[in-house]
N, C-alpha and C. Protein backbone atom coordinates (compact mmCIF):
# COMPACT_ATOMS: atom_id res chain seq x y z
N MET A 1 -18.22 9.60 -1.61
CA MET A 1 -16.80 9.35 -1.78
C MET A 1 -16.65 8.14 -2.72
N SER A 2 -15.82 8.32 -3.74
CA SER A 2 -15.64 7.24 -4.71
C SER A 2 -14.81 6.10 -4.13
N LYS A 3 -14.95 4.95 -4.75
CA LYS A 3 -14.19 3.79 -4.30
C LYS A 3 -12.68 4.06 -4.43
N GLN A 4 -12.29 4.77 -5.50
CA GLN A 4 -10.87 5.09 -5.69
C GLN A 4 -10.35 5.93 -4.53
N THR A 5 -11.13 6.89 -4.08
CA THR A 5 -10.73 7.74 -2.97
C THR A 5 -10.55 6.93 -1.70
N VAL A 6 -11.46 6.01 -1.46
CA VAL A 6 -11.37 5.15 -0.28
C VAL A 6 -10.10 4.30 -0.35
N ILE A 7 -9.82 3.74 -1.51
CA ILE A 7 -8.63 2.90 -1.70
C ILE A 7 -7.36 3.74 -1.46
N LEU A 8 -7.31 4.93 -2.04
CA LEU A 8 -6.13 5.78 -1.87
C LEU A 8 -5.95 6.20 -0.42
N ASN A 9 -7.03 6.53 0.25
CA ASN A 9 -6.94 6.93 1.67
C ASN A 9 -6.41 5.78 2.52
N GLU A 10 -6.92 4.58 2.29
CA GLU A 10 -6.47 3.43 3.05
C GLU A 10 -4.99 3.11 2.76
N ALA A 11 -4.61 3.16 1.48
CA ALA A 11 -3.23 2.89 1.11
C ALA A 11 -2.29 3.92 1.73
N ASN A 12 -2.66 5.19 1.67
CA ASN A 12 -1.81 6.24 2.25
C ASN A 12 -1.69 6.09 3.76
N ARG A 13 -2.77 5.70 4.41
CA ARG A 13 -2.73 5.50 5.85
C ARG A 13 -1.74 4.40 6.22
N ILE A 14 -1.81 3.29 5.50
CA ILE A 14 -0.91 2.16 5.78
C ILE A 14 0.54 2.52 5.43
N LEU A 15 0.75 3.17 4.29
CA LEU A 15 2.10 3.57 3.91
C LEU A 15 2.71 4.51 4.94
N HIS A 16 1.93 5.45 5.43
CA HIS A 16 2.43 6.38 6.44
C HIS A 16 2.77 5.65 7.74
N ARG A 17 1.86 4.78 8.18
CA ARG A 17 2.08 4.05 9.43
C ARG A 17 3.31 3.15 9.34
N LYS A 18 3.41 2.40 8.26
CA LYS A 18 4.54 1.48 8.10
C LYS A 18 5.85 2.24 7.94
N GLY A 19 5.81 3.35 7.20
CA GLY A 19 7.01 4.16 7.05
C GLY A 19 7.50 4.69 8.39
N THR A 20 6.57 5.11 9.21
CA THR A 20 6.91 5.60 10.55
C THR A 20 7.50 4.48 11.39
N GLU A 21 6.89 3.30 11.34
CA GLU A 21 7.40 2.16 12.10
C GLU A 21 8.81 1.80 11.67
N LEU A 22 9.05 1.75 10.36
CA LEU A 22 10.37 1.36 9.86
C LEU A 22 11.43 2.40 10.19
N SER A 23 11.06 3.67 10.18
CA SER A 23 12.05 4.71 10.43
C SER A 23 12.40 4.86 11.91
N LYS A 24 11.62 4.29 12.80
CA LYS A 24 11.89 4.39 14.24
C LYS A 24 13.07 3.53 14.68
N ASN A 25 13.32 2.45 13.98
CA ASN A 25 14.33 1.48 14.40
C ASN A 25 15.54 1.52 13.47
N ALA A 26 16.70 1.59 14.06
CA ALA A 26 17.93 1.54 13.28
C ALA A 26 18.42 0.10 13.19
N ALA A 27 18.92 -0.27 12.04
CA ALA A 27 19.47 -1.61 11.86
C ALA A 27 20.85 -1.67 12.51
N THR A 28 21.05 -2.68 13.32
CA THR A 28 22.35 -2.82 13.98
C THR A 28 23.05 -4.13 13.60
N ASN A 29 22.33 -5.01 12.92
CA ASN A 29 22.94 -6.27 12.52
C ASN A 29 22.18 -6.85 11.33
N SER A 30 22.65 -7.99 10.84
CA SER A 30 22.02 -8.59 9.65
C SER A 30 20.59 -9.05 9.93
N LYS A 31 20.32 -9.45 11.17
CA LYS A 31 18.96 -9.87 11.52
C LYS A 31 17.99 -8.69 11.37
N ASP A 32 18.41 -7.51 11.80
CA ASP A 32 17.59 -6.31 11.64
C ASP A 32 17.35 -6.00 10.16
N LEU A 33 18.42 -6.11 9.37
CA LEU A 33 18.29 -5.84 7.94
C LEU A 33 17.33 -6.81 7.28
N ARG A 34 17.40 -8.08 7.68
CA ARG A 34 16.47 -9.07 7.13
C ARG A 34 15.03 -8.74 7.51
N ARG A 35 14.84 -8.32 8.77
CA ARG A 35 13.49 -7.98 9.24
C ARG A 35 12.94 -6.79 8.45
N PHE A 36 13.78 -5.77 8.23
CA PHE A 36 13.36 -4.62 7.44
C PHE A 36 13.02 -5.04 6.01
N ALA A 37 13.86 -5.88 5.42
CA ALA A 37 13.62 -6.33 4.05
C ALA A 37 12.30 -7.08 3.94
N MET A 38 12.03 -7.93 4.91
CA MET A 38 10.77 -8.68 4.90
C MET A 38 9.58 -7.72 5.06
N GLY A 39 9.73 -6.73 5.93
CA GLY A 39 8.66 -5.75 6.12
C GLY A 39 8.41 -4.95 4.85
N LEU A 40 9.48 -4.59 4.16
CA LEU A 40 9.33 -3.84 2.91
C LEU A 40 8.68 -4.69 1.83
N GLU A 41 9.02 -5.97 1.78
CA GLU A 41 8.40 -6.87 0.80
C GLU A 41 6.90 -6.98 1.05
N LYS A 42 6.52 -7.12 2.32
CA LYS A 42 5.09 -7.21 2.65
C LYS A 42 4.38 -5.91 2.30
N LEU A 43 5.03 -4.79 2.57
CA LEU A 43 4.45 -3.49 2.25
C LEU A 43 4.29 -3.33 0.74
N ALA A 44 5.27 -3.75 -0.02
CA ALA A 44 5.19 -3.68 -1.48
C ALA A 44 4.04 -4.54 -1.98
N GLU A 45 3.87 -5.72 -1.41
CA GLU A 45 2.78 -6.60 -1.81
C GLU A 45 1.43 -5.94 -1.54
N LYS A 46 1.28 -5.34 -0.36
CA LYS A 46 0.03 -4.64 -0.04
C LYS A 46 -0.20 -3.49 -1.00
N THR A 47 0.87 -2.77 -1.33
CA THR A 47 0.74 -1.63 -2.23
C THR A 47 0.30 -2.08 -3.61
N TRP A 48 0.86 -3.18 -4.10
CA TRP A 48 0.42 -3.71 -5.41
C TRP A 48 -1.04 -4.13 -5.36
N ASN A 49 -1.48 -4.67 -4.24
CA ASN A 49 -2.89 -5.03 -4.11
C ASN A 49 -3.77 -3.79 -4.24
N TYR A 50 -3.34 -2.68 -3.63
CA TYR A 50 -4.09 -1.43 -3.76
C TYR A 50 -4.08 -0.93 -5.20
N VAL A 51 -2.96 -1.07 -5.88
CA VAL A 51 -2.89 -0.66 -7.29
C VAL A 51 -3.92 -1.43 -8.10
N HIS A 52 -3.96 -2.73 -7.94
CA HIS A 52 -4.90 -3.55 -8.70
C HIS A 52 -6.35 -3.23 -8.34
N GLU A 53 -6.61 -3.04 -7.06
CA GLU A 53 -7.95 -2.71 -6.60
C GLU A 53 -8.39 -1.36 -7.17
N TYR A 54 -7.48 -0.39 -7.17
CA TYR A 54 -7.79 0.93 -7.70
C TYR A 54 -8.09 0.85 -9.20
N GLU A 55 -7.24 0.14 -9.92
CA GLU A 55 -7.43 0.03 -11.37
C GLU A 55 -8.74 -0.67 -11.70
N GLU A 56 -9.09 -1.68 -10.92
CA GLU A 56 -10.36 -2.37 -11.13
C GLU A 56 -11.54 -1.43 -10.88
N ALA A 57 -11.46 -0.63 -9.84
CA ALA A 57 -12.53 0.33 -9.55
C ALA A 57 -12.63 1.37 -10.65
N GLU A 58 -11.48 1.78 -11.18
CA GLU A 58 -11.45 2.76 -12.26
C GLU A 58 -12.13 2.20 -13.52
N ILE A 59 -11.82 0.96 -13.85
CA ILE A 59 -12.43 0.31 -15.01
C ILE A 59 -13.93 0.17 -14.82
N ASN A 60 -14.33 -0.26 -13.62
CA ASN A 60 -15.77 -0.41 -13.35
C ASN A 60 -16.50 0.92 -13.46
N GLU A 61 -15.87 2.00 -13.03
CA GLU A 61 -16.49 3.32 -13.10
C GLU A 61 -16.65 3.74 -14.56
N LYS A 62 -15.64 3.47 -15.39
CA LYS A 62 -15.73 3.79 -16.80
C LYS A 62 -16.84 3.00 -17.48
N LEU A 63 -16.94 1.71 -17.12
CA LEU A 63 -17.99 0.88 -17.69
C LEU A 63 -19.37 1.36 -17.28
N LYS A 64 -19.49 1.82 -16.05
CA LYS A 64 -20.75 2.38 -15.56
C LYS A 64 -21.15 3.60 -16.37
N GLY A 65 -20.17 4.42 -16.69
CA GLY A 65 -20.42 5.65 -17.44
C GLY A 65 -20.91 5.38 -18.85
N ARG A 66 -20.56 4.25 -19.39
CA ARG A 66 -20.97 3.89 -20.76
C ARG A 66 -22.39 3.34 -20.81
N SER A 67 -22.88 2.90 -19.67
CA SER A 67 -24.22 2.28 -19.64
C SER A 67 -25.30 3.32 -19.67
């Protein structure tokens, strides 16, 4: 299994879990909305980390192929 596949599987697992968690609770006040916004920001940050990790693995694989 390639590193990219591992990264995608982990990212999809987290996105699915967090999406399920966020969809279970309805916002009833501004405090709830703030909590959701903070959760989405953290999720976006994790997702960008996966993007960078995936791209790095992709570059390394291409460099390996040239050797």
